[in-house]
PDB file of N, CA and C in Angstrom:
ATOM      1  N   MET A   1      50.243  27.315  -7.224  1.00  0.00           N
ATOM      2  CA  MET A   1      49.058  27.391  -6.402  1.00  0.00           C
ATOM      3  C   MET A   1      48.428  26.004  -6.354  1.00  0.00           C
ATOM      4  N   SER A   2      48.132  25.503  -5.176  1.00  0.00           N
ATOM      5  CA  SER A   2      47.537  24.169  -5.045  1.00  0.00           C
ATOM      6  C   SER A   2      46.028  24.274  -5.181  1.00  0.00           C
ATOM      7  N   ALA A   3      45.376  23.116  -5.412  1.00  0.00           N
ATOM      8  CA  ALA A   3      43.928  23.094  -5.591  1.00  0.00           C
ATOM      9  C   ALA A   3      43.205  23.510  -4.321  1.00  0.00           C
ATOM     10  N   SER A   4      43.798  23.267  -3.165  1.00  0.00           N
ATOM     11  CA  SER A   4      43.132  23.620  -1.917  1.00  0.00           C
ATOM     12  C   SER A   4      43.136  25.120  -1.657  1.00  0.00           C
ATOM     13  N   THR A   5      44.047  25.836  -2.265  1.00  0.00           N
ATOM     14  CA  THR A   5      44.100  27.273  -2.027  1.00  0.00           C
ATOM     15  C   THR A   5      43.541  28.080  -3.186  1.00  0.00           C
ATOM     16  N   LEU A   6      43.112  27.381  -4.228  1.00  0.00           N
ATOM     17  CA  LEU A   6      42.580  28.068  -5.398  1.00  0.00           C
ATOM     18  C   LEU A   6      41.203  28.621  -5.083  1.00  0.00           C
ATOM     19  N   THR A   7      41.013  29.898  -5.305  1.00  0.00           N
ATOM     20  CA  THR A   7      39.695  30.506  -5.124  1.00  0.00           C
ATOM     21  C   THR A   7      39.356  31.284  -6.381  1.00  0.00           C
ATOM     22  N   LEU A   8      38.108  31.187  -6.762  1.00  0.00           N
ATOM     23  CA  LEU A   8      37.634  31.895  -7.940  1.00  0.00           C
ATOM     24  C   LEU A   8      36.752  33.045  -7.496  1.00  0.00           C
ATOM     25  N   PRO A   9      36.743  34.103  -8.243  1.00  0.00           N
ATOM     26  CA  PRO A   9      35.771  35.161  -7.945  1.00  0.00           C
ATOM     27  C   PRO A   9      34.360  34.588  -8.047  1.00  0.00           C
ATOM     28  N   GLU A  10      33.435  35.166  -7.296  1.00  0.00           N
ATOM     29  CA  GLU A  10      32.062  34.654  -7.215  1.00  0.00           C
ATOM     30  C   GLU A  10      31.405  34.538  -8.584  1.00  0.00           C
ATOM     31  N   THR A  11      31.618  35.501  -9.454  1.00  0.00           N
ATOM     32  CA  THR A  11      30.998  35.458 -10.786  1.00  0.00           C
ATOM     33  C   THR A  11      31.542  34.301 -11.612  1.00  0.00           C
ATOM     34  N   GLN A  12      32.843  34.033 -11.504  1.00  0.00           N
ATOM     35  CA  GLN A  12      33.419  32.895 -12.234  1.00  0.00           C
ATOM     36  C   GLN A  12      32.901  31.569 -11.663  1.00  0.00           C
ATOM     37  N   ALA A  13      32.779  31.499 -10.351  1.00  0.00           N
ATOM     38  CA  ALA A  13      32.286  30.273  -9.715  1.00  0.00           C
ATOM     39  C   ALA A  13      30.855  29.988 -10.154  1.00  0.00           C
ATOM     40  N   LYS A  14      30.014  31.009 -10.197  1.00  0.00           N
ATOM     41  CA  LYS A  14      28.629  30.828 -10.625  1.00  0.00           C
ATOM     42  C   LYS A  14      28.569  30.421 -12.087  1.00  0.00           C
ATOM     43  N   ALA A  15      29.396  31.055 -12.902  1.00  0.00           N
ATOM     44  CA  ALA A  15      29.417  30.747 -14.332  1.00  0.00           C
ATOM     45  C   ALA A  15      29.867  29.310 -14.568  1.00  0.00           C
ATOM     46  N   ALA A  16      30.771  28.816 -13.760  1.00  0.00           N
ATOM     47  CA  ALA A  16      31.278  27.454 -13.916  1.00  0.00           C
ATOM     48  C   ALA A  16      30.368  26.438 -13.243  1.00  0.00           C
ATOM     49  N   GLY A  17      29.350  26.873 -12.517  1.00  0.00           N
ATOM     50  CA  GLY A  17      28.441  25.966 -11.819  1.00  0.00           C
ATOM     51  C   GLY A  17      29.078  25.380 -10.570  1.00  0.00           C
ATOM     52  N   ILE A  18      30.030  26.074 -10.017  1.00  0.00           N
ATOM     53  CA  ILE A  18      30.742  25.590  -8.839  1.00  0.00           C
ATOM     54  C   ILE A  18      30.085  26.188  -7.602  1.00  0.00           C
ATOM     55  N   VAL A  19      29.826  25.354  -6.637  1.00  0.00           N
ATOM     56  CA  VAL A  19      29.266  25.818  -5.379  1.00  0.00           C
ATOM     57  C   VAL A  19      30.429  26.093  -4.442  1.00  0.00           C
ATOM     58  N   ALA A  20      30.435  27.255  -3.879  1.00  0.00           N
ATOM     59  CA  ALA A  20      31.513  27.627  -2.963  1.00  0.00           C
ATOM     60  C   ALA A  20      31.437  26.778  -1.702  1.00  0.00           C
ATOM     61  N   PHE A  21      32.538  26.216  -1.306  1.00  0.00           N
ATOM     62  CA  PHE A  21      32.618  25.418  -0.089  1.00  0.00           C
ATOM     63  C   PHE A  21      32.947  26.354   1.061  1.00  0.00           C
ATOM     64  N   PRO A  22      32.168  26.330   2.117  1.00  0.00           N
ATOM     65  CA  PRO A  22      32.431  27.243   3.236  1.00  0.00           C
ATOM     66  C   PRO A  22      33.819  26.990   3.817  1.00  0.00           C
ATOM     67  N   GLN A  23      34.508  28.051   4.077  1.00  0.00           N
ATOM     68  CA  GLN A  23      35.869  27.936   4.589  1.00  0.00           C
ATOM     69  C   GLN A  23      35.892  27.775   6.112  1.00  0.00           C
ATOM     70  N   ARG A  24      34.948  28.392   6.791  1.00  0.00           N
ATOM     71  CA  ARG A  24      34.969  28.342   8.255  1.00  0.00           C
ATOM     72  C   ARG A  24      34.272  27.068   8.744  1.00  0.00           C
ATOM     73  N   PRO A  25      34.853  26.403   9.728  1.00  0.00           N
ATOM     74  CA  PRO A  25      34.253  25.164  10.256  1.00  0.00           C
ATOM     75  C   PRO A  25      32.830  25.366  10.759  1.00  0.00           C
ATOM     76  N   GLN A  26      32.544  26.496  11.409  1.00  0.00           N
ATOM     77  CA  GLN A  26      31.198  26.719  11.928  1.00  0.00           C
ATOM     78  C   GLN A  26      30.185  26.858  10.787  1.00  0.00           C
ATOM     79  N   ASP A  27      30.610  27.389   9.630  1.00  0.00           N
ATOM     80  CA  ASP A  27      29.722  27.483   8.468  1.00  0.00           C
ATOM     81  C   ASP A  27      29.435  26.087   7.909  1.00  0.00           C
ATOM     82  N   ARG A  28      30.482  25.262   7.848  1.00  0.00           N
ATOM     83  CA  ARG A  28      30.290  23.891   7.361  1.00  0.00           C
ATOM     84  C   ARG A  28      29.357  23.125   8.303  1.00  0.00           C
ATOM     85  N   LEU A  29      29.551  23.304   9.593  1.00  0.00           N
ATOM     86  CA  LEU A  29      28.705  22.641  10.588  1.00  0.00           C
ATOM     87  C   LEU A  29      27.263  23.122  10.465  1.00  0.00           C
ATOM     88  N   ARG A  30      27.083  24.433  10.326  1.00  0.00           N
ATOM     89  CA  ARG A  30      25.730  24.994  10.186  1.00  0.00           C
ATOM     90  C   ARG A  30      25.032  24.407   8.960  1.00  0.00           C
ATOM     91  N   ILE A  31      25.743  24.331   7.839  1.00  0.00           N
ATOM     92  CA  ILE A  31      25.159  23.768   6.612  1.00  0.00           C
ATOM     93  C   ILE A  31      24.856  22.282   6.798  1.00  0.00           C
ATOM     94  N   ALA A  32      25.775  21.558   7.421  1.00  0.00           N
ATOM     95  CA  ALA A  32      25.568  20.126   7.651  1.00  0.00           C
ATOM     96  C   ALA A  32      24.355  19.897   8.545  1.00  0.00           C
ATOM     97  N   LEU A  33      24.211  20.694   9.592  1.00  0.00           N
ATOM     98  CA  LEU A  33      23.055  20.558  10.484  1.00  0.00           C
ATOM     99  C   LEU A  33      21.754  20.915   9.766  1.00  0.00           C
ATOM    100  N   HIS A  34      21.822  21.924   8.917  1.00  0.00           N
ATOM    101  CA  HIS A  34      20.641  22.304   8.136  1.00  0.00           C
ATOM    102  C   HIS A  34      20.224  21.162   7.213  1.00  0.00           C
ATOM    103  N   LYS A  35      21.211  20.553   6.536  1.00  0.00           N
ATOM    104  CA  LYS A  35      20.915  19.423   5.639  1.00  0.00           C
ATOM    105  C   LYS A  35      20.381  18.236   6.429  1.00  0.00           C
ATOM    106  N   LEU A  36      20.931  18.001   7.621  1.00  0.00           N
ATOM    107  CA  LEU A  36      20.442  16.920   8.472  1.00  0.00           C
ATOM    108  C   LEU A  36      18.999  17.181   8.886  1.00  0.00           C
ATOM    109  N   ASP A  37      18.708  18.428   9.254  1.00  0.00           N
ATOM    110  CA  ASP A  37      17.340  18.793   9.629  1.00  0.00           C
ATOM    111  C   ASP A  37      16.385  18.570   8.453  1.00  0.00           C
ATOM    112  N   GLU A  38      16.797  18.958   7.247  1.00  0.00           N
ATOM    113  CA  GLU A  38      15.971  18.728   6.060  1.00  0.00           C
ATOM    114  C   GLU A  38      15.733  17.233   5.852  1.00  0.00           C
ATOM    115  N   ALA A  39      16.783  16.432   6.022  1.00  0.00           N
ATOM    116  CA  ALA A  39      16.650  14.976   5.841  1.00  0.00           C
ATOM    117  C   ALA A  39      15.716  14.384   6.889  1.00  0.00           C
ATOM    118  N   LEU A  40      15.814  14.862   8.129  1.00  0.00           N
ATOM    119  CA  LEU A  40      14.931  14.362   9.189  1.00  0.00           C
ATOM    120  C   LEU A  40      13.474  14.741   8.916  1.00  0.00           C
ATOM    121  N   CYS A  41      13.262  15.944   8.415  1.00  0.00           N
ATOM    122  CA  CYS A  41      11.896  16.364   8.058  1.00  0.00           C
ATOM    123  C   CYS A  41      11.348  15.507   6.920  1.00  0.00           C
ATOM    124  N   ALA A  42      12.185  15.247   5.930  1.00  0.00           N
ATOM    125  CA  ALA A  42      11.755  14.395   4.811  1.00  0.00           C
ATOM    126  C   ALA A  42      11.447  12.988   5.304  1.00  0.00           C
ATOM    127  N   GLN A  43      12.257  12.492   6.224  1.00  0.00           N
ATOM    128  CA  GLN A  43      12.019  11.159   6.775  1.00  0.00           C
ATOM    129  C   GLN A  43      10.711  11.137   7.572  1.00  0.00           C
ATOM    130  N   ALA A  44      10.451  12.179   8.338  1.00  0.00           N
ATOM    131  CA  ALA A  44       9.203  12.256   9.114  1.00  0.00           C
ATOM    132  C   ALA A  44       7.992  12.280   8.182  1.00  0.00           C
ATOM    133  N   ARG A  45       8.093  13.038   7.080  1.00  0.00           N
ATOM    134  CA  ARG A  45       6.988  13.059   6.105  1.00  0.00           C
ATOM    135  C   ARG A  45       6.796  11.688   5.477  1.00  0.00           C
ATOM    136  N   ALA A  46       7.901  11.050   5.124  1.00  0.00           N
ATOM    137  CA  ALA A  46       7.814   9.718   4.500  1.00  0.00           C
ATOM    138  C   ALA A  46       7.213   8.713   5.481  1.00  0.00           C
ATOM    139  N   THR A  47       7.605   8.787   6.742  1.00  0.00           N
ATOM    140  CA  THR A  47       7.057   7.884   7.760  1.00  0.00           C
ATOM    141  C   THR A  47       5.562   8.136   7.944  1.00  0.00           C
ATOM    142  N   SER A  48       5.185   9.389   7.969  1.00  0.00           N
ATOM    143  CA  SER A  48       3.768   9.733   8.095  1.00  0.00           C
ATOM    144  C   SER A  48       2.979   9.227   6.898  1.00  0.00           C
ATOM    145  N   ASP A  49       3.514   9.431   5.704  1.00  0.00           N
ATOM    146  CA  ASP A  49       2.847   8.942   4.496  1.00  0.00           C
ATOM    147  C   ASP A  49       2.728   7.420   4.518  1.00  0.00           C
ATOM    148  N   PHE A  50       3.788   6.751   4.978  1.00  0.00           N
ATOM    149  CA  PHE A  50       3.778   5.285   5.060  1.00  0.00           C
ATOM    150  C   PHE A  50       2.707   4.818   6.033  1.00  0.00           C
ATOM    151  N   ARG A  51       2.639   5.452   7.203  1.00  0.00           N
ATOM    152  CA  ARG A  51       1.625   5.071   8.197  1.00  0.00           C
ATOM    153  C   ARG A  51       0.219   5.308   7.642  1.00  0.00           C
ATOM    154  N   SER A  52       0.048   6.402   6.954  1.00  0.00           N
ATOM    155  CA  SER A  52      -1.249   6.693   6.350  1.00  0.00           C
ATOM    156  C   SER A  52      -1.617   5.624   5.324  1.00  0.00           C
ATOM    157  N   ALA A  53      -0.647   5.268   4.488  1.00  0.00           N
ATOM    158  CA  ALA A  53      -0.895   4.231   3.476  1.00  0.00           C
ATOM    159  C   ALA A  53      -1.199   2.892   4.132  1.00  0.00           C
ATOM    160  N   MET A  54      -0.510   2.578   5.218  1.00  0.00           N
ATOM    161  CA  MET A  54      -0.762   1.314   5.917  1.00  0.00           C
ATOM    162  C   MET A  54      -2.159   1.322   6.543  1.00  0.00           C
ATOM    163  N   GLY A  55      -2.589   2.461   7.068  1.00  0.00           N
ATOM    164  CA  GLY A  55      -3.940   2.574   7.613  1.00  0.00           C
ATOM    165  C   GLY A  55      -4.985   2.383   6.524  1.00  0.00           C
ATOM    166  N   GLU A  56      -4.729   2.981   5.375  1.00  0.00           N
ATOM    167  CA  GLU A  56      -5.649   2.821   4.250  1.00  0.00           C
ATOM    168  C   GLU A  56      -5.680   1.367   3.773  1.00  0.00           C
ATOM    169  N   LEU A  57      -4.512   0.746   3.729  1.00  0.00           N
ATOM    170  CA  LEU A  57      -4.437  -0.660   3.333  1.00  0.00           C
ATOM    171  C   LEU A  57      -5.211  -1.533   4.317  1.00  0.00           C
ATOM    172  N   LYS A  58      -5.052  -1.259   5.607  1.00  0.00           N
ATOM    173  CA  LYS A  58      -5.778  -2.018   6.632  1.00  0.00           C
ATOM    174  C   LYS A  58      -7.284  -1.883   6.423  1.00  0.00           C
ATOM    175  N   SER A  59      -7.720  -0.671   6.143  1.00  0.00           N
ATOM    176  CA  SER A  59      -9.144  -0.427   5.909  1.00  0.00           C
ATOM    177  C   SER A  59      -9.635  -1.191   4.675  1.00  0.00           C
ATOM    178  N   LYS A  60      -8.852  -1.141   3.598  1.00  0.00           N
ATOM    179  CA  LYS A  60      -9.236  -1.832   2.364  1.00  0.00           C
ATOM    180  C   LYS A  60      -9.271  -3.343   2.570  1.00  0.00           C
ATOM    181  N   VAL A  61      -8.275  -3.868   3.284  1.00  0.00           N
ATOM    182  CA  VAL A  61      -8.238  -5.312   3.539  1.00  0.00           C
ATOM    183  C   VAL A  61      -9.418  -5.713   4.419  1.00  0.00           C
ATOM    184  N   GLY A  62      -9.750  -4.863   5.397  1.00  0.00           N
ATOM    185  CA  GLY A  62     -10.917  -5.133   6.239  1.00  0.00           C
ATOM    186  C   GLY A  62     -12.196  -5.169   5.412  1.00  0.00           C
ATOM    187  N   GLY A  63     -12.325  -4.226   4.487  1.00  0.00           N
ATOM    188  CA  GLY A  63     -13.498  -4.217   3.601  1.00  0.00           C
ATOM    189  C   GLY A  63     -13.524  -5.441   2.706  1.00  0.00           C
ATOM    190  N   MET A  64     -12.349  -5.835   2.240  1.00  0.00           N
ATOM    191  CA  MET A  64     -12.258  -7.031   1.409  1.00  0.00           C
ATOM    192  C   MET A  64     -12.657  -8.267   2.215  1.00  0.00           C
ATOM    193  N   GLN A  65     -12.205  -8.326   3.463  1.00  0.00           N
ATOM    194  CA  GLN A  65     -12.541  -9.452   4.327  1.00  0.00           C
ATOM    195  C   GLN A  65     -14.051  -9.508   4.562  1.00  0.00           C
ATOM    196  N   ASP A  66     -14.661  -8.349   4.791  1.00  0.00           N
ATOM    197  CA  ASP A  66     -16.115  -8.312   4.973  1.00  0.00           C
ATOM    198  C   ASP A  66     -16.818  -8.812   3.712  1.00  0.00           C
ATOM    199  N   GLY A  67     -16.341  -8.381   2.555  1.00  0.00           N
ATOM    200  CA  GLY A  67     -16.920  -8.827   1.293  1.00  0.00           C
ATOM    201  C   GLY A  67     -16.773 -10.331   1.095  1.00  0.00           C
ATOM    202  N   MET A  68     -15.606 -10.854   1.454  1.00  0.00           N
ATOM    203  CA  MET A  68     -15.379 -12.297   1.319  1.00  0.00           C
ATOM    204  C   MET A  68     -16.291 -13.095   2.264  1.00  0.00           C
ATOM    205  N   MET A  69     -16.494 -12.572   3.473  1.00  0.00           N
ATOM    206  CA  MET A  69     -17.397 -13.246   4.420  1.00  0.00           C
ATOM    207  C   MET A  69     -18.828 -13.236   3.889  1.00  0.00           C
ATOM    208  N   ALA A  70     -19.256 -12.121   3.313  1.00  0.00           N
ATOM    209  CA  ALA A  70     -20.600 -12.037   2.740  1.00  0.00           C
ATOM    210  C   ALA A  70     -20.723 -13.016   1.566  1.00  0.00           C
ATOM    211  N   TYR A  71     -19.687 -13.091   0.750  1.00  0.00           N
ATOM    212  CA  TYR A  71     -19.677 -14.023  -0.388  1.00  0.00           C
ATOM    213  C   TYR A  71     -19.733 -15.460   0.109  1.00  0.00           C
ATOM    214  N   ARG A  72     -18.971 -15.763   1.154  1.00  0.00           N
ATOM    215  CA  ARG A  72     -18.992 -17.120   1.724  1.00  0.00           C
ATOM    216  C   ARG A  72     -20.383 -17.459   2.258  1.00  0.00           C
ATOM    217  N   ASP A  73     -21.004 -16.504   2.964  1.00  0.00           N
ATOM    218  CA  ASP A  73     -22.359 -16.735   3.481  1.00  0.00           C
ATOM    219  C   ASP A  73     -23.339 -16.984   2.335  1.00  0.00           C
ATOM    220  N   ALA A  74     -23.213 -16.216   1.256  1.00  0.00           N
ATOM    221  CA  ALA A  74     -24.090 -16.405   0.095  1.00  0.00           C
ATOM    222  C   ALA A  74     -23.870 -17.781  -0.525  1.00  0.00           C
ATOM    223  N   LEU A  75     -22.603 -18.198  -0.617  1.00  0.00           N
ATOM    224  CA  LEU A  75     -22.327 -19.538  -1.151  1.00  0.00           C
ATOM    225  C   LEU A  75     -22.893 -20.626  -0.248  1.00  0.00           C
ATOM    226  N   ASP A  76     -22.786 -20.443   1.059  1.00  0.00           N
ATOM    227  CA  ASP A  76     -23.352 -21.413   1.999  1.00  0.00           C
ATOM    228  C   ASP A  76     -24.868 -21.501   1.849  1.00  0.00           C
ATOM    229  N   ARG A  77     -25.528 -20.354   1.724  1.00  0.00           N
ATOM    230  CA  ARG A  77     -26.992 -20.366   1.532  1.00  0.00           C
ATOM    231  C   ARG A  77     -27.358 -21.041   0.207  1.00  0.00           C
ATOM    232  N   THR A  78     -26.588 -20.737  -0.826  1.00  0.00           N
ATOM    233  CA  THR A  78     -26.845 -21.360  -2.134  1.00  0.00           C
ATOM    234  C   THR A  78     -26.656 -22.865  -2.055  1.00  0.00           C
ATOM    235  N   ALA A  79     -25.604 -23.313  -1.370  1.00  0.00           N
ATOM    236  CA  ALA A  79     -25.365 -24.752  -1.220  1.00  0.00           C
ATOM    237  C   ALA A  79     -26.514 -25.414  -0.469  1.00  0.00           C
ATOM    238  N   THR A  80     -27.017 -24.753   0.556  1.00  0.00           N
ATOM    239  CA  THR A  80     -28.150 -25.287   1.318  1.00  0.00           C
ATOM    240  C   THR A  80     -29.388 -25.386   0.434  1.00  0.00           C
ATOM    241  N   GLU A  81     -29.646 -24.349  -0.362  1.00  0.00           N
ATOM    242  CA  GLU A  81     -30.797 -24.370  -1.274  1.00  0.00           C
ATOM    243  C   GLU A  81     -30.646 -25.468  -2.328  1.00  0.00           C
ATOM    244  N   ILE A  82     -29.439 -25.660  -2.827  1.00  0.00           N
ATOM    245  CA  ILE A  82     -29.207 -26.726  -3.817  1.00  0.00           C
ATOM    246  C   ILE A  82     -29.445 -28.085  -3.178  1.00  0.00           C
ATOM    247  N   ASP A  83     -28.940 -28.289  -1.964  1.00  0.00           N
ATOM    248  CA  ASP A  83     -29.164 -29.557  -1.265  1.00  0.00           C
ATOM    249  C   ASP A  83     -30.658 -29.811  -1.071  1.00  0.00           C
ATOM    250  N   ARG A  84     -31.381 -28.764  -0.696  1.00  0.00           N
ATOM    251  CA  ARG A  84     -32.839 -28.880  -0.495  1.00  0.00           C
ATOM    252  C   ARG A  84     -33.525 -29.228  -1.829  1.00  0.00           C
ATOM    253  N   ALA A  85     -33.113 -28.575  -2.922  1.00  0.00           N
ATOM    254  CA  ALA A  85     -33.705 -28.844  -4.237  1.00  0.00           C
ATOM    255  C   ALA A  85     -33.394 -30.265  -4.693  1.00  0.00           C
ATOM    256  N   VAL A  86     -32.182 -30.728  -4.460  1.00  0.00           N
ATOM    257  CA  VAL A  86     -31.819 -32.110  -4.837  1.00  0.00           C
ATOM    258  C   VAL A  86     -32.651 -33.097  -4.040  1.00  0.00           C
ATOM    259  N   LYS A  87     -32.820 -32.844  -2.754  1.00  0.00           N
ATOM    260  CA  LYS A  87     -33.635 -33.734  -1.915  1.00  0.00           C
ATOM    261  C   LYS A  87     -35.076 -33.783  -2.422  1.00  0.00           C
ATOM    262  N   LYS A  88     -35.636 -32.611  -2.756  1.00  0.00           N
ATOM    263  CA  LYS A  88     -37.012 -32.566  -3.282  1.00  0.00           C
ATOM    264  C   LYS A  88     -37.098 -33.303  -4.612  1.00  0.00           C
ATOM    265  N   ALA A  89     -36.105 -33.130  -5.464  1.00  0.00           N
ATOM    266  CA  ALA A  89     -36.115 -33.817  -6.761  1.00  0.00           C
ATOM    267  C   ALA A  89     -36.089 -35.318  -6.565  1.00  0.00           C
ATOM    268  N   LYS A  90     -35.316 -35.793  -5.623  1.00  0.00           N
ATOM    269  CA  LYS A  90     -35.272 -37.239  -5.339  1.00  0.00           C
ATOM    270  C   LYS A  90     -36.608 -37.729  -4.806  1.00  0.00           C
ATOM    271  N   GLU A  91     -37.216 -36.913  -3.931  1.00  0.00           N
ATOM    272  CA  GLU A  91     -38.530 -37.281  -3.393  1.00  0.00           C
ATOM    273  C   GLU A  91     -39.564 -37.362  -4.519  1.00  0.00           C
ATOM    274  N   LEU A  92     -39.537 -36.379  -5.420  1.00  0.00           N
ATOM    275  CA  LEU A  92     -40.483 -36.380  -6.542  1.00  0.00           C
ATOM    276  C   LEU A  92     -40.231 -37.581  -7.458  1.00  0.00           C
ATOM    277  N   ARG A  93     -38.984 -37.882  -7.698  1.00  0.00           N
ATOM    278  CA  ARG A  93     -38.661 -39.037  -8.537  1.00  0.00           C
ATOM    279  C   ARG A  93     -39.154 -40.314  -7.889  1.00  0.00           C
ATOM    280  N   GLU A  94     -38.977 -40.418  -6.581  1.00  0.00           N
ATOM    281  CA  GLU A  94     -39.454 -41.621  -5.869  1.00  0.00           C
ATOM    282  C   GLU A  94     -40.978 -41.678  -5.901  1.00  0.00           C
ATOM    283  N   THR A  95     -41.636 -40.542  -5.717  1.00  0.00           N
ATOM    284  CA  THR A  95     -43.103 -40.505  -5.780  1.00  0.00           C
ATOM    285  C   THR A  95     -43.575 -40.891  -7.178  1.00  0.00           C
ATOM    286  N   GLU A  96     -42.894 -40.364  -8.182  1.00  0.00           N
ATOM    287  CA  GLU A  96     -43.271 -40.694  -9.564  1.00  0.00           C
ATOM    288  C   GLU A  96     -43.052 -42.181  -9.833  1.00  0.00           C
ATOM    289  N   ARG A  97     -41.986 -42.747  -9.318  1.00  0.00           N
ATOM    290  CA  ARG A  97     -41.699 -44.164  -9.525  1.00  0.00           C
ATOM    291  C   ARG A  97     -42.770 -45.025  -8.838  1.00  0.00           C
ATOM    292  N   ARG A  98     -43.227 -44.631  -7.644  1.00  0.00           N
ATOM    293  CA  ARG A  98     -44.228 -45.419  -6.927  1.00  0.00           C
ATOM    294  C   ARG A  98     -45.610 -45.287  -7.559  1.00  0.00           C
ATOM    295  N   THR A  99     -45.910 -44.128  -8.112  1.00  0.00           N
ATOM    296  CA  THR A  99     -47.256 -43.909  -8.629  1.00  0.00           C
ATOM    297  C   THR A  99     -47.404 -44.220 -10.119  1.00  0.00           C
ATOM    298  N   ALA A 100     -46.321 -44.392 -10.794  1.00  0.00           N
ATOM    299  CA  ALA A 100     -46.409 -44.670 -12.231  1.00  0.00           C
ATOM    300  C   ALA A 100     -46.955 -46.089 -12.433  1.00  0.00           C
ATOM    301  N   PRO A 101     -47.790 -46.245 -13.436  1.00  0.00           N
ATOM    302  CA  PRO A 101     -48.298 -47.600 -13.694  1.00  0.00           C
ATOM    303  C   PRO A 101     -47.163 -48.507 -14.146  1.00  0.00           C
ATOM    304  N   HIS A 102     -47.182 -49.691 -13.627  1.00  0.00           N
ATOM    305  CA  HIS A 102     -46.153 -50.672 -14.001  1.00  0.00           C
ATOM    306  C   HIS A 102     -46.688 -51.480 -15.151  1.00  0.00           C
ATOM    307  N   GLY A 103     -45.935 -51.529 -16.152  1.00  0.00           N
ATOM    308  CA  GLY A 103     -46.479 -52.179 -17.297  1.00  0.00           C
ATOM    309  C   GLY A 103     -45.696 -53.249 -17.809  1.00  0.00           C
TER     310      GLY A 103
END
């Protein structure tokens, strides 16, 4: 008996963990199409999940960009205030130098 013609009773096949291979071509085709349909559904879910994650990433990056712009504006205002304070300090130093008694 060759391996291609060997058939086991269903109980022996289950006990051995062997999955019966469909003998009729239309059964094999039906199973193959079913597996293909399952794979396509899984791919559609994965694509949907990916698009959702990309949308969330876009939103997070947009929020990060807004935060960075606010931080940049705050740094610009701080730099302007520091420049103003340095200018005032120089003016005060010059005023103090002019008004101090020379001895």
